[in-house]
Amino acid sequence: MVPPMGFAEPAPHLSPEARKFLTNYRVVGAELDLEDLEAVAAARRGSLAGWVAHNEGLAGPWVSRPGTVAGVPVVGFAVDEPALDADRVIMHLHGGAFVLGSPTASAALAVGVAQRTGLPVVSVDYRLAPEHPCPAATDDIVDVCRGLSESRPVAAIFGESAGANLSLAAAIALRDGGETLPARLGLLSPWVDMTCSGDTYRSLAPADPVLGPLDPVAFAAAYAGADTADPKASPLFAELAGLPPALIQAGSREVLLSDSCRLEDALRRAGVDVALHVWDGLWHGWQLQYRVPEAARALDDLAAFLVTR
């Protein structure tokens, strides 16, 4: 397959698996009309089928259990059935640009963290845009966090891309409500600026095979509506003081690198304990590609952080 014009060759220090992904991966269906709900539904079905096939290769012990918490559908993941009912729990929020995705689609992350921590991971099947714009997803997640907290502590919340946005937005909502916060936030390739104003939205579009071909502005509008700078949709612009310690992971090739850099700066200025790890040569959401050694190492770091007391 011939790389697109302007595509930079993968860095030689990357694993063979990472170089192969960068060379071969291409987005299918980048021209999705977000006003055509039938097309959106079809895209969700097609995306889910692809991720289910991808996740069939997940190794190691794991089980999943669908259910509901506070009336919101969730899927619990753990190394075995008894672990699903452990005395602490981690919450996961999937990505998908607020329009696509599901706990099943992002099972590689939930399973990876469950295997590394021994704790159950509850992944929230929150409502999606454009049918349910902001703040519907955050409301669902806050309800689940409250529901889980009635029986056991929520040790951490983590998510990728849109899920990282929602992890941060939910923590802000819990803080503002005077409620117990999770001890840690894991923010993977966070998309926290719906105005899409960062430099790398343009400068890194040719280098990012996952988000580069998409139209972030259209997805942001489907989620945030006309006021894309509203802090409920763009938590980069929210008051961030008083939040739990956070780990941000980003790839140096990803369109959303600006969001990660700006968020780290904003959290640090707000007095939040935050670390930003930029992985050289990697792309948006590489942690989902469990066959790539760099994904395993990133999840090692994430899992260790999420359970640090």
Protein backbone atom coordinates (compact mmCIF):
# COMPACT_ATOMS: atom_id res chain seq x y z
CA MET A 1 0.00 0.00 0.00
CA VAL A 2 1.35 3.42 -0.97
CA PRO A 3 1.45 5.93 1.90
CA PRO A 4 -0.50 9.18 1.35
CA MET A 5 1.20 12.36 0.22
CA GLY A 6 3.03 14.02 3.09
CA PHE A 7 3.15 10.84 5.16
CA ALA A 8 6.38 10.56 7.16
CA GLU A 9 8.01 7.16 7.31
CA PRO A 10 7.84 5.44 10.73
CA ALA A 11 10.73 6.06 13.09
CA PRO A 12 13.32 3.26 12.95
CA HIS A 13 13.35 2.82 16.74
CA LEU A 14 9.72 1.62 16.74
CA SER A 15 8.87 -2.06 16.95
CA PRO A 16 8.24 -3.88 13.66
CA GLU A 17 4.58 -4.15 14.67
CA ALA A 18 4.27 -0.39 15.17
CA ARG A 19 6.00 0.36 11.88
CA LYS A 20 3.70 -2.06 10.08
CA PHE A 21 0.60 -0.42 11.57
CA LEU A 22 1.73 3.06 10.56
CA THR A 23 2.52 1.96 7.04
CA ASN A 24 -0.65 -0.05 6.40
CA TYR A 25 -3.50 1.37 8.49
CA ARG A 26 -6.07 3.49 6.70
CA VAL A 27 -9.41 4.78 8.00
CA VAL A 28 -12.49 3.39 6.28
CA GLY A 29 -15.56 5.60 5.95
CA ALA A 30 -13.93 8.91 6.82
CA GLU A 31 -16.67 10.78 4.93
CA LEU A 32 -19.43 9.97 7.43
CA ASP A 33 -22.41 12.37 7.27
CA LEU A 34 -23.19 12.99 10.93
CA GLU A 35 -26.63 14.40 10.09
CA ASP A 36 -27.65 11.10 8.48
CA LEU A 37 -28.63 9.00 11.48
CA GLU A 38 -29.02 5.86 9.39
CA ALA A 39 -25.47 6.27 8.12
CA VAL A 40 -24.26 6.87 11.68
CA ALA A 41 -25.99 3.68 12.86
CA ALA A 42 -24.43 1.73 10.00
CA ALA A 43 -21.01 3.14 10.83
CA ARG A 44 -21.44 2.04 14.44
CA ARG A 45 -22.34 -1.49 13.38
CA GLY A 46 -19.41 -1.70 10.97
CA SER A 47 -16.96 -0.27 13.49
CA LEU A 48 -18.14 -2.65 16.20
CA ALA A 49 -17.78 -5.66 13.94
CA GLY A 50 -14.22 -4.67 13.14
CA TRP A 51 -13.29 -4.21 16.79
CA VAL A 52 -14.91 -7.50 17.82
CA ALA A 53 -12.78 -9.27 15.23
CA HIS A 54 -9.71 -7.37 16.43
CA ASN A 55 -10.32 -8.31 20.06
CA GLU A 56 -10.66 -12.03 19.36
CA GLY A 57 -6.91 -12.26 19.74
CA LEU A 58 -6.79 -10.88 23.28
CA ALA A 59 -4.60 -13.21 25.33
CA GLY A 60 -4.62 -14.16 28.97
CA PRO A 61 -7.46 -14.81 31.39
CA TRP A 62 -10.45 -12.50 31.24
CA VAL A 63 -14.22 -12.50 31.54
CA SER A 64 -16.89 -9.91 30.84
CA ARG A 65 -20.32 -9.34 32.36
CA PRO A 66 -22.91 -6.93 30.94
CA GLY A 67 -25.24 -5.19 33.36
CA THR A 68 -26.62 -1.84 34.43
CA VAL A 69 -25.65 0.64 37.12
CA ALA A 70 -28.09 3.43 37.97
CA GLY A 71 -30.04 2.47 34.86
CA VAL A 72 -27.01 2.94 32.56
CA PRO A 73 -25.68 -0.06 30.60
CA VAL A 74 -22.17 -1.15 31.51
CA VAL A 75 -19.83 -4.05 30.90
CA GLY A 76 -17.61 -5.36 33.67
CA PHE A 77 -14.23 -6.89 32.79
CA ALA A 78 -11.96 -8.88 35.10
CA VAL A 79 -9.49 -11.74 35.16
CA ASP A 80 -12.16 -14.13 36.47
CA GLU A 81 -15.71 -14.17 37.86
CA PRO A 82 -14.79 -13.61 41.55
CA ALA A 83 -12.67 -10.58 40.62
CA LEU A 84 -15.73 -8.86 39.13
CA ASP A 85 -16.94 -8.30 42.69
CA ALA A 86 -13.68 -7.06 44.25
CA ASP A 87 -13.83 -4.38 46.93
CA ARG A 88 -12.49 -1.66 44.61
CA VAL A 89 -13.34 -0.90 41.00
CA ILE A 90 -11.87 1.05 38.09
CA MET A 91 -14.13 2.86 35.61
CA HIS A 92 -13.36 2.97 31.89
CA LEU A 93 -14.81 5.30 29.26
CA HIS A 94 -14.39 4.29 25.63
CA GLY A 95 -13.41 6.55 22.75
CA GLY A 96 -15.03 7.04 19.37
CA ALA A 97 -15.27 10.82 18.85
CA PHE A 98 -18.46 10.91 20.99
CA VAL A 99 -20.34 9.28 18.08
CA LEU A 100 -18.89 5.77 17.78
CA GLY A 101 -17.46 3.15 20.10
CA SER A 102 -18.62 0.96 22.97
CA PRO A 103 -17.21 -1.02 25.90
CA THR A 104 -16.99 -4.07 23.63
CA ALA A 105 -15.10 -2.14 20.96
CA SER A 106 -12.51 -0.92 23.48
CA ALA A 107 -12.27 -4.20 25.39
CA ALA A 108 -8.51 -4.34 24.81
CA LEU A 109 -8.00 -1.42 27.19
CA ALA A 110 -10.41 -2.59 29.87
CA VAL A 111 -9.03 -6.14 29.77
CA GLY A 112 -5.44 -4.90 29.74
CA VAL A 113 -5.96 -2.79 32.86
CA ALA A 114 -7.95 -5.53 34.63
CA GLN A 115 -5.19 -8.07 33.98
CA ARG A 116 -2.46 -5.73 35.19
CA THR A 117 -4.22 -4.50 38.35
CA GLY A 118 -6.31 -7.51 39.37
CA LEU A 119 -9.24 -5.11 39.83
CA PRO A 120 -12.50 -5.17 37.90
CA VAL A 121 -12.94 -2.55 35.20
CA VAL A 122 -16.48 -1.28 34.60
CA SER A 123 -16.80 0.23 31.14
CA VAL A 124 -19.76 2.59 30.66
CA ASP A 125 -21.93 2.35 27.55
CA TYR A 126 -22.83 6.03 27.71
CA ARG A 127 -25.22 7.76 25.32
CA LEU A 128 -23.71 8.91 22.02
CA ALA A 129 -24.02 12.02 19.85
CA PRO A 130 -25.55 13.30 17.67
CA GLU A 131 -28.73 11.81 19.14
CA HIS A 132 -27.60 12.65 22.66
CA PRO A 133 -25.29 15.69 22.69
CA CYS A 134 -23.34 17.07 25.64
CA PRO A 135 -23.88 16.67 28.59
CA ALA A 136 -25.82 13.40 28.24
CA ALA A 137 -22.70 11.21 28.29
CA THR A 138 -21.26 12.97 31.34
CA ASP A 139 -24.59 12.62 33.15
CA ASP A 140 -24.56 8.87 32.50
CA ILE A 141 -21.01 8.51 33.75
CA VAL A 142 -21.63 10.51 36.92
CA ASP A 143 -24.70 8.37 37.64
CA VAL A 144 -22.63 5.20 37.23
CA CYS A 145 -19.88 6.53 39.47
CA ARG A 146 -22.42 7.39 42.17
CA GLY A 147 -24.04 3.99 41.82
CA LEU A 148 -20.77 2.10 42.08
CA SER A 149 -19.64 4.23 45.03
CA GLU A 150 -22.61 3.07 47.06
CA SER A 151 -21.01 -0.35 47.46
CA ARG A 152 -17.26 0.06 46.83
CA PRO A 153 -14.73 2.80 46.15
CA VAL A 154 -13.98 3.87 42.58
CA ALA A 155 -10.19 3.69 42.57
CA ALA A 156 -9.74 5.46 39.23
CA ILE A 157 -11.39 6.60 36.03
CA PHE A 158 -9.61 6.29 32.71
CA GLY A 159 -10.50 6.63 29.06
CA GLU A 160 -9.15 7.17 25.59
CA SER A 161 -9.80 10.12 23.25
CA ALA A 162 -13.42 11.20 23.80
CA GLY A 163 -13.40 8.88 26.81
CA ALA A 164 -10.53 10.86 28.30
CA ASN A 165 -12.58 14.05 27.84
CA LEU A 166 -15.47 12.38 29.67
CA SER A 167 -13.19 11.08 32.44
CA LEU A 168 -12.12 14.65 33.12
CA ALA A 169 -15.63 16.09 32.71
CA ALA A 170 -17.08 13.53 35.12
CA ALA A 171 -14.40 14.27 37.72
CA ILE A 172 -15.20 17.98 37.44
CA ALA A 173 -18.92 17.29 37.86
CA LEU A 174 -18.28 15.11 40.91
CA ARG A 175 -16.02 17.75 42.44
CA ASP A 176 -18.59 20.49 41.83
CA GLY A 177 -21.24 18.30 43.44
CA GLY A 178 -19.14 17.85 46.56
CA GLU A 179 -18.92 14.10 45.98
CA THR A 180 -16.12 11.62 46.48
CA LEU A 181 -13.62 11.70 43.65
CA PRO A 182 -11.70 8.76 42.21
CA ALA A 183 -8.12 8.60 43.41
CA ARG A 184 -6.58 8.74 39.91
CA LEU A 185 -7.38 9.90 36.36
CA GLY A 186 -5.90 8.14 33.33
CA LEU A 187 -6.19 10.28 30.19
CA LEU A 188 -5.10 8.54 26.98
CA SER A 189 -4.83 10.78 23.92
CA PRO A 190 -7.39 13.17 25.43
CA TRP A 191 -9.68 15.23 23.19
CA VAL A 192 -10.54 18.12 25.49
CA ASP A 193 -10.86 21.12 23.14
CA MET A 194 -13.97 21.02 20.95
CA THR A 195 -12.91 24.29 19.31
CA CYS A 196 -10.10 22.26 17.68
CA SER A 197 -7.79 25.26 18.00
CA GLY A 198 -4.50 23.49 18.73
CA ASP A 199 -1.62 23.65 16.27
CA THR A 200 -1.36 19.90 15.77
CA TYR A 201 -4.90 19.62 14.38
CA ARG A 202 -3.27 20.95 11.21
CA SER A 203 0.45 20.27 11.53
CA LEU A 204 0.14 16.55 12.36
CA ALA A 205 -2.89 15.60 10.25
CA PRO A 206 -0.69 13.97 7.56
CA ALA A 207 1.20 11.97 10.19
CA ASP A 208 -1.76 10.51 12.14
CA PRO A 209 -3.31 7.55 10.30
CA VAL A 210 -6.24 7.28 12.74
CA LEU A 211 -7.53 10.85 13.12
CA GLY A 212 -5.73 12.57 10.28
CA PRO A 213 -8.32 11.65 7.61
CA LEU A 214 -11.30 12.63 9.79
CA ASP A 215 -13.02 16.00 10.29
CA PRO A 216 -12.68 16.78 14.02
CA VAL A 217 -14.70 19.98 13.67
CA ALA A 218 -17.75 18.05 12.44
CA PHE A 219 -17.56 15.51 15.26
CA ALA A 220 -17.03 18.30 17.81
CA ALA A 221 -20.14 20.11 16.57
CA ALA A 222 -22.19 16.89 16.71
CA TYR A 223 -21.27 16.54 20.37
CA ALA A 224 -20.96 20.12 21.64
CA GLY A 225 -23.42 21.98 19.41
CA ALA A 226 -22.82 25.64 18.61
CA ASP A 227 -20.85 26.48 21.78
CA THR A 228 -17.80 24.30 21.37
CA ALA A 229 -15.92 26.33 24.01
CA ASP A 230 -18.43 25.42 26.75
CA PRO A 231 -16.32 23.87 29.55
CA LYS A 232 -18.85 21.04 29.91
CA ALA A 233 -17.91 19.93 26.39
CA SER A 234 -14.33 21.26 26.39
CA PRO A 235 -12.95 20.59 29.88
CA LEU A 236 -9.65 22.15 28.85
CA PHE A 237 -11.42 25.46 29.59
CA ALA A 238 -12.93 24.39 32.93
CA GLU A 239 -11.75 25.24 36.42
CA LEU A 240 -9.42 22.32 37.14
CA ALA A 241 -8.30 22.89 40.73
CA GLY A 242 -9.00 20.12 43.20
CA LEU A 243 -8.92 17.21 40.76
CA PRO A 244 -7.13 13.91 41.42
CA PRO A 245 -3.62 13.20 40.14
CA ALA A 246 -3.64 12.55 36.40
CA LEU A 247 -1.50 10.68 33.90
CA ILE A 248 -1.71 11.82 30.27
CA GLN A 249 -0.39 9.59 27.49
CA ALA A 250 -0.07 10.87 23.92
CA GLY A 251 1.75 9.96 20.73
CA SER A 252 4.05 12.38 18.95
CA ARG A 253 2.20 11.74 15.66
CA GLU A 254 -1.33 12.38 16.81
CA VAL A 255 -3.59 15.23 15.82
CA LEU A 256 -4.60 15.71 19.46
CA LEU A 257 -1.07 16.20 20.78
CA SER A 258 -1.83 19.90 21.30
CA ASP A 259 -4.73 18.98 23.56
CA SER A 260 -2.46 16.82 25.71
CA CYS A 261 0.21 19.52 25.99
CA ARG A 262 -2.28 22.29 26.78
CA LEU A 263 -4.15 20.12 29.29
CA GLU A 264 -0.96 19.23 31.14
CA ASP A 265 -0.13 22.93 31.40
CA ALA A 266 -3.64 23.84 32.58
CA LEU A 267 -3.73 21.08 35.22
CA ARG A 268 -0.28 21.96 36.49
CA ARG A 269 -1.19 25.65 36.77
CA ALA A 270 -4.33 24.64 38.69
CA GLY A 271 -2.19 22.80 41.24
CA VAL A 272 -3.10 19.29 40.09
CA ASP A 273 -0.42 16.59 40.22
CA VAL A 274 -0.06 15.67 36.55
CA ALA A 275 2.40 13.80 34.33
CA LEU A 276 2.47 13.96 30.53
CA HIS A 277 4.15 11.05 28.73
CA VAL A 278 4.62 11.67 25.01
CA TRP A 279 5.54 8.48 23.16
CA ASP A 280 7.79 9.26 20.23
CA GLY A 281 6.59 8.07 16.84
CA LEU A 282 3.20 6.74 17.98
CA TRP A 283 -0.32 7.59 16.84
CA HIS A 284 -3.72 8.35 18.32
CA GLY A 285 -4.96 5.52 20.53
CA TRP A 286 -2.06 3.14 19.91
CA GLN A 287 -2.78 1.52 23.30
CA LEU A 288 -5.74 -0.31 21.70
CA GLN A 289 -3.41 -2.22 19.37
CA TYR A 290 -2.49 -4.95 21.85
CA ARG A 291 -0.22 -6.77 19.39
CA VAL A 292 2.09 -3.72 19.34
CA PRO A 293 4.76 -3.91 22.09
CA GLU A 294 4.52 -0.18 22.73
CA ALA A 295 0.84 -0.64 23.62
CA ALA A 296 1.70 -3.21 26.28
CA ARG A 297 4.32 -0.93 27.80
CA ALA A 298 1.92 2.01 27.86
CA LEU A 299 -0.69 -0.09 29.66
CA ASP A 300 1.95 -1.24 32.14
CA ASP A 301 2.60 2.41 33.03
CA LEU A 302 -1.11 3.26 33.12
CA ALA A 303 -2.08 0.34 35.35
CA ALA A 304 0.72 1.05 37.83
CA PHE A 305 -0.42 4.66 38.07
CA LEU A 306 -4.13 3.90 38.47
CA VAL A 307 -3.64 1.72 41.55
CA THR A 308 -1.02 3.88 43.29
CA ARG A 309 -2.39 4.98 46.64
